[in-house]
Amino acid sequence: MNRRELIDAVANEAEVDKKTADAVLRAFQDVVFATVAADDPVTISGFVKFAKVKTNARMGRNPATGEAIKIPARTKARITPLKGFKDVALGTVKPPKLKK
């Protein structure tokens, strides 16, 4: 499903026009981006957690030569699916019925 299809589905499910659904989706995206950029995680219970994760510098090994190498510290984006999402995605729980 691409963005356009998502907007169509959300507009249909929420019974709003596509322009409103697009505005809400864009606002959601902007809020998540700004919040995570400010080092504050965003958690939607039972769905997903968005967070910025910082890793420390460490020593590692080059698997081809066995040589010790220094792995620098870095910052990564992490998106973690939560239990409710996993249950539906893995078929443990039936997904919600969508309007036609």
N, C-alpha and C. Protein backbone atom coordinates (compact mmCIF):
# COMPACT_ATOMS: atom_id res chain seq x y z
N MET A 1 0.86 -1.17 0.00
CA MET A 1 0.00 0.00 0.00
C MET A 1 0.90 1.23 0.00
N ASN A 2 0.67 2.13 -0.95
CA ASN A 2 1.45 3.36 -0.98
C ASN A 2 0.68 4.48 -0.27
N ARG A 3 1.25 5.68 -0.25
CA ARG A 3 0.65 6.80 0.48
C ARG A 3 -0.75 7.14 -0.04
N ARG A 4 -0.90 7.20 -1.33
CA ARG A 4 -2.21 7.55 -1.92
C ARG A 4 -3.28 6.53 -1.53
N GLU A 5 -2.92 5.24 -1.59
CA GLU A 5 -3.86 4.19 -1.21
C GLU A 5 -4.19 4.26 0.29
N LEU A 6 -3.19 4.60 1.10
CA LEU A 6 -3.41 4.76 2.53
C LEU A 6 -4.37 5.91 2.81
N ILE A 7 -4.18 7.01 2.14
CA ILE A 7 -5.07 8.17 2.31
C ILE A 7 -6.49 7.80 1.91
N ASP A 8 -6.64 7.11 0.79
CA ASP A 8 -7.97 6.67 0.35
C ASP A 8 -8.63 5.77 1.40
N ALA A 9 -7.87 4.82 1.93
CA ALA A 9 -8.42 3.88 2.91
C ALA A 9 -8.79 4.58 4.21
N VAL A 10 -7.93 5.49 4.67
CA VAL A 10 -8.22 6.22 5.91
C VAL A 10 -9.43 7.13 5.71
N ALA A 11 -9.51 7.80 4.59
CA ALA A 11 -10.66 8.67 4.31
C ALA A 11 -11.95 7.86 4.29
N ASN A 12 -11.92 6.70 3.69
CA ASN A 12 -13.10 5.84 3.63
C ASN A 12 -13.48 5.34 5.02
N GLU A 13 -12.49 4.88 5.79
CA GLU A 13 -12.75 4.31 7.11
C GLU A 13 -13.25 5.36 8.10
N ALA A 14 -12.67 6.57 8.04
CA ALA A 14 -13.05 7.64 8.96
C ALA A 14 -14.23 8.47 8.45
N GLU A 15 -14.66 8.17 7.23
CA GLU A 15 -15.76 8.88 6.59
C GLU A 15 -15.50 10.39 6.51
N VAL A 16 -14.29 10.72 6.03
CA VAL A 16 -13.92 12.11 5.78
C VAL A 16 -13.41 12.21 4.35
N ASP A 17 -13.25 13.44 3.87
CA ASP A 17 -12.75 13.58 2.50
C ASP A 17 -11.24 13.31 2.47
N LYS A 18 -10.74 13.05 1.27
CA LYS A 18 -9.34 12.67 1.10
C LYS A 18 -8.39 13.80 1.51
N LYS A 19 -8.80 15.04 1.30
CA LYS A 19 -7.97 16.19 1.65
C LYS A 19 -7.76 16.24 3.17
N THR A 20 -8.80 15.98 3.93
CA THR A 20 -8.70 15.96 5.39
C THR A 20 -7.83 14.80 5.86
N ALA A 21 -8.03 13.63 5.27
CA ALA A 21 -7.21 12.47 5.64
C ALA A 21 -5.74 12.72 5.34
N ASP A 22 -5.45 13.35 4.21
CA ASP A 22 -4.06 13.68 3.86
C ASP A 22 -3.48 14.67 4.85
N ALA A 23 -4.26 15.68 5.23
CA ALA A 23 -3.78 16.68 6.20
C ALA A 23 -3.48 16.05 7.55
N VAL A 24 -4.34 15.13 7.98
CA VAL A 24 -4.12 14.45 9.27
C VAL A 24 -2.88 13.57 9.19
N LEU A 25 -2.71 12.85 8.11
CA LEU A 25 -1.54 11.99 7.95
C LEU A 25 -0.25 12.81 7.93
N ARG A 26 -0.26 13.94 7.22
CA ARG A 26 0.91 14.81 7.18
C ARG A 26 1.21 15.40 8.56
N ALA A 27 0.16 15.81 9.28
CA ALA A 27 0.35 16.36 10.62
C ALA A 27 0.92 15.30 11.57
N PHE A 28 0.41 14.08 11.48
CA PHE A 28 0.92 12.98 12.29
C PHE A 28 2.41 12.77 12.01
N GLN A 29 2.76 12.73 10.74
CA GLN A 29 4.14 12.53 10.33
C GLN A 29 5.03 13.65 10.86
N ASP A 30 4.59 14.91 10.75
CA ASP A 30 5.37 16.05 11.23
C ASP A 30 5.57 16.00 12.74
N VAL A 31 4.52 15.65 13.48
CA VAL A 31 4.61 15.57 14.94
C VAL A 31 5.59 14.47 15.35
N VAL A 32 5.51 13.31 14.71
CA VAL A 32 6.43 12.21 15.04
C VAL A 32 7.86 12.62 14.71
N PHE A 33 8.11 13.20 13.55
CA PHE A 33 9.45 13.63 13.17
C PHE A 33 10.02 14.61 14.19
N ALA A 34 9.26 15.64 14.54
CA ALA A 34 9.73 16.67 15.46
C ALA A 34 9.98 16.12 16.86
N THR A 35 9.09 15.25 17.31
CA THR A 35 9.22 14.69 18.66
C THR A 35 10.43 13.77 18.76
N VAL A 36 10.60 12.89 17.79
CA VAL A 36 11.73 11.96 17.82
C VAL A 36 13.05 12.72 17.63
N ALA A 37 13.06 13.74 16.80
CA ALA A 37 14.27 14.55 16.59
C ALA A 37 14.69 15.23 17.89
N ALA A 38 13.73 15.52 18.77
CA ALA A 38 14.01 16.15 20.06
C ALA A 38 14.34 15.11 21.14
N ASP A 39 14.71 13.90 20.75
CA ASP A 39 15.09 12.80 21.66
C ASP A 39 13.96 12.30 22.55
N ASP A 40 12.74 12.50 22.14
CA ASP A 40 11.60 12.01 22.92
C ASP A 40 10.90 10.93 22.09
N PRO A 41 10.78 9.70 22.60
CA PRO A 41 10.13 8.64 21.81
C PRO A 41 8.62 8.86 21.71
N VAL A 42 8.04 8.35 20.65
CA VAL A 42 6.59 8.39 20.44
C VAL A 42 6.10 6.95 20.48
N THR A 43 5.18 6.67 21.42
CA THR A 43 4.63 5.32 21.55
C THR A 43 3.13 5.37 21.35
N ILE A 44 2.63 4.57 20.44
CA ILE A 44 1.19 4.41 20.23
C ILE A 44 0.87 3.02 20.77
N SER A 45 0.22 2.99 21.92
CA SER A 45 -0.03 1.72 22.63
C SER A 45 -0.62 0.66 21.71
N GLY A 46 -0.03 -0.52 21.74
CA GLY A 46 -0.51 -1.64 20.96
C GLY A 46 -0.19 -1.56 19.48
N PHE A 47 0.55 -0.53 19.06
CA PHE A 47 0.84 -0.39 17.64
C PHE A 47 2.34 -0.31 17.38
N VAL A 48 2.97 0.82 17.71
CA VAL A 48 4.36 1.02 17.34
C VAL A 48 5.03 2.04 18.26
N LYS A 49 6.36 1.94 18.34
CA LYS A 49 7.15 2.92 19.08
C LYS A 49 8.23 3.46 18.14
N PHE A 50 8.31 4.79 18.05
CA PHE A 50 9.33 5.47 17.25
C PHE A 50 10.33 6.08 18.23
N ALA A 51 11.63 5.86 18.02
CA ALA A 51 12.63 6.41 18.93
C ALA A 51 13.96 6.65 18.22
N LYS A 52 14.73 7.58 18.78
CA LYS A 52 16.10 7.81 18.33
C LYS A 52 17.00 7.10 19.33
N VAL A 53 17.92 6.25 18.85
CA VAL A 53 18.78 5.46 19.72
C VAL A 53 20.23 5.82 19.43
N LYS A 54 20.97 6.11 20.49
CA LYS A 54 22.39 6.42 20.36
C LYS A 54 23.20 5.19 20.79
N THR A 55 24.19 4.81 19.98
CA THR A 55 25.06 3.69 20.33
C THR A 55 26.43 4.24 20.71
N ASN A 56 27.12 3.58 21.61
CA ASN A 56 28.46 3.97 22.02
C ASN A 56 29.49 3.44 21.04
N ALA A 57 30.66 4.09 21.03
CA ALA A 57 31.78 3.58 20.24
C ALA A 57 32.23 2.27 20.87
N ARG A 58 32.71 1.35 20.03
CA ARG A 58 33.15 0.06 20.56
C ARG A 58 34.18 -0.55 19.62
N MET A 59 34.80 -1.58 20.11
CA MET A 59 35.77 -2.31 19.28
C MET A 59 35.06 -3.50 18.64
N GLY A 60 35.40 -3.77 17.41
CA GLY A 60 34.84 -4.90 16.68
C GLY A 60 35.93 -5.62 15.92
N ARG A 61 35.55 -6.60 15.15
CA ARG A 61 36.52 -7.37 14.36
C ARG A 61 36.09 -7.41 12.91
N ASN A 62 37.04 -7.27 12.03
CA ASN A 62 36.80 -7.45 10.61
C ASN A 62 36.69 -8.96 10.40
N PRO A 63 35.50 -9.45 9.95
CA PRO A 63 35.33 -10.90 9.83
C PRO A 63 36.24 -11.54 8.78
N ALA A 64 36.68 -10.79 7.80
CA ALA A 64 37.53 -11.36 6.75
C ALA A 64 38.97 -11.54 7.22
N THR A 65 39.49 -10.55 7.98
CA THR A 65 40.91 -10.60 8.36
C THR A 65 41.11 -10.86 9.85
N GLY A 66 40.09 -10.68 10.65
CA GLY A 66 40.22 -10.85 12.09
C GLY A 66 40.84 -9.64 12.78
N GLU A 67 41.13 -8.61 12.00
CA GLU A 67 41.75 -7.40 12.52
C GLU A 67 40.76 -6.63 13.42
N ALA A 68 41.26 -6.11 14.54
CA ALA A 68 40.42 -5.30 15.43
C ALA A 68 40.19 -3.93 14.78
N ILE A 69 38.94 -3.48 14.80
CA ILE A 69 38.60 -2.17 14.24
C ILE A 69 37.76 -1.40 15.24
N LYS A 70 37.84 -0.09 15.16
CA LYS A 70 37.04 0.75 16.04
C LYS A 70 35.74 1.11 15.32
N ILE A 71 34.61 0.82 15.95
CA ILE A 71 33.30 1.17 15.40
C ILE A 71 32.87 2.45 16.09
N PRO A 72 32.65 3.53 15.34
CA PRO A 72 32.33 4.81 15.96
C PRO A 72 30.92 4.85 16.55
N ALA A 73 30.70 5.77 17.48
CA ALA A 73 29.37 6.00 18.03
C ALA A 73 28.48 6.55 16.92
N ARG A 74 27.19 6.25 17.00
CA ARG A 74 26.28 6.79 15.99
C ARG A 74 24.86 6.85 16.54
N THR A 75 24.01 7.51 15.80
CA THR A 75 22.61 7.65 16.17
C THR A 75 21.78 6.96 15.09
N LYS A 76 20.79 6.17 15.54
CA LYS A 76 19.95 5.43 14.60
C LYS A 76 18.48 5.71 14.92
N ALA A 77 17.65 5.54 13.92
CA ALA A 77 16.20 5.59 14.11
C ALA A 77 15.73 4.16 14.34
N ARG A 78 14.87 3.98 15.34
CA ARG A 78 14.35 2.64 15.62
C ARG A 78 12.83 2.71 15.64
N ILE A 79 12.21 1.82 14.90
CA ILE A 79 10.76 1.68 14.91
C ILE A 79 10.47 0.26 15.38
N THR A 80 9.77 0.16 16.51
CA THR A 80 9.53 -1.13 17.13
C THR A 80 8.04 -1.46 17.10
N PRO A 81 7.66 -2.55 16.45
CA PRO A 81 6.25 -2.95 16.51
C PRO A 81 5.92 -3.46 17.91
N LEU A 82 4.76 -3.10 18.41
CA LEU A 82 4.34 -3.52 19.75
C LEU A 82 3.40 -4.72 19.67
N LYS A 83 3.04 -5.25 20.82
CA LYS A 83 2.32 -6.52 20.91
C LYS A 83 1.04 -6.56 20.08
N GLY A 84 0.21 -5.53 20.14
CA GLY A 84 -1.05 -5.52 19.39
C GLY A 84 -0.82 -5.67 17.90
N PHE A 85 0.17 -4.94 17.38
CA PHE A 85 0.51 -5.02 15.96
C PHE A 85 1.04 -6.41 15.61
N LYS A 86 1.94 -6.93 16.44
CA LYS A 86 2.52 -8.25 16.18
C LYS A 86 1.44 -9.33 16.18
N ASP A 87 0.50 -9.24 17.13
CA ASP A 87 -0.57 -10.24 17.20
C ASP A 87 -1.38 -10.28 15.91
N VAL A 88 -1.72 -9.11 15.38
CA VAL A 88 -2.50 -9.05 14.14
C VAL A 88 -1.65 -9.48 12.95
N ALA A 89 -0.41 -8.99 12.88
CA ALA A 89 0.47 -9.31 11.74
C ALA A 89 0.80 -10.79 11.68
N LEU A 90 0.95 -11.43 12.83
CA LEU A 90 1.32 -12.85 12.85
C LEU A 90 0.11 -13.78 12.86
N GLY A 91 -1.10 -13.22 12.84
CA GLY A 91 -2.30 -14.03 12.73
C GLY A 91 -2.84 -14.56 14.04
N THR A 92 -2.31 -14.12 15.18
CA THR A 92 -2.81 -14.56 16.48
C THR A 92 -4.18 -13.96 16.75
N VAL A 93 -4.38 -12.73 16.30
CA VAL A 93 -5.64 -12.00 16.48
C VAL A 93 -6.15 -11.61 15.10
N LYS A 94 -7.46 -11.66 14.91
CA LYS A 94 -8.03 -11.28 13.61
C LYS A 94 -7.92 -9.76 13.42
N PRO A 95 -7.61 -9.32 12.20
CA PRO A 95 -7.54 -7.88 11.94
C PRO A 95 -8.92 -7.25 11.96
N PRO A 96 -8.99 -5.94 12.19
CA PRO A 96 -10.30 -5.28 12.19
C PRO A 96 -10.92 -5.31 10.79
N LYS A 97 -12.24 -5.36 10.73
CA LYS A 97 -12.94 -5.32 9.44
C LYS A 97 -12.97 -3.88 8.96
N LEU A 98 -12.64 -3.69 7.70
CA LEU A 98 -12.67 -2.35 7.10
C LEU A 98 -13.95 -2.17 6.30
N LYS A 99 -14.37 -0.92 6.20
CA LYS A 99 -15.56 -0.61 5.39
C LYS A 99 -15.19 -0.76 3.93
N LYS A 100 -16.16 -1.15 3.13
CA LYS A 100 -15.93 -1.32 1.68
C LYS A 100 -15.98 0.02 1.00
